[in-house]
């Protein structure tokens, strides 16, 4: 298993989810009127369990990312539709335009489709057409995608665990560690609880800031850019996500074409941890553009920089 150590390191570095600021408590069951919204479930003998019918409309909780932290949002569910599967469909559709403006993002690749969904008792089997590749997208992105899928599917109350498949192949912790043929058990929320950290807290201008009681940063300063990846095709909005490991500093995001800066965004705050930004693409811009993310030198940290070459399609 060649990727066990990187997976563990990346997992322990992720940020926390479900703060009081979210306005949504992670309760599993979601109140709709005076009745709980649950997905149909079956017992071990395949007989449908006695569960109250869904109200109309129902509510599904969908886990996107905000400042690289899992963040739940609500979606309405049509009468007669399963909450878990409907939530998964909404997850694959991605954040709405309004949510993107609030810096909601996702680790699920654009265009990912649901190939199959079924429930065996209280375990769901989910087969998707696309998920992050740990070798190219990074372990952290893959773990975040797993977290989003498992937490979204189990949020409705009728599912306790999820078997995730990528084009029919296992996609779980063993697969991410380099053993794609492993017969891994289904994943529960507890199995992914290690994705939660508590070093940083959410900021107000696009980044996390050091918690008041956080220890001074003692490691090697690092600027990690998760999105976009090299070769990404960008339409009307450029979504930028990353993580700054240092004592903190402002972050500058620049779009450069043929040596000229065509757009920029400055997160003017002492960021420490995850950061995110949504940059509208100028209507006249098209072709190859370099995304340059940097943070200036401070008294305690050197200047850092990360670059990606993307294609602006304008649509």
Foldseek 3Di string as FASTA:
>chain_A
DQAQVQLLVLLLQAAAEDDVVLVDHQDLWDDDPNFTFAFWFAAQVRHTDDDDAGDAFHKFWFWWAALRYTGIDIDTHGHPDGRLVVNVVVVLVWDDPVVVQNVTGHLWDHPKDWPDWDDNGQEIETEIQDGDDCVALNSNSRLRNVLRSQSRNSSNPSHFFYFYHHNNWGRDPVVNRPCRNDPDDTDGNVNSPSSYDHQWDDDDQFATAGDPPHDAQDDAWDKFWNPDAAAAEAAFKGKTKTFTAHNFFKKKKFKDDPRRTDDIDIRGDRHHTMGIDIGGDPQPDFAKIKIKMWGPDDPGHHIDIDIHIYTYPHD
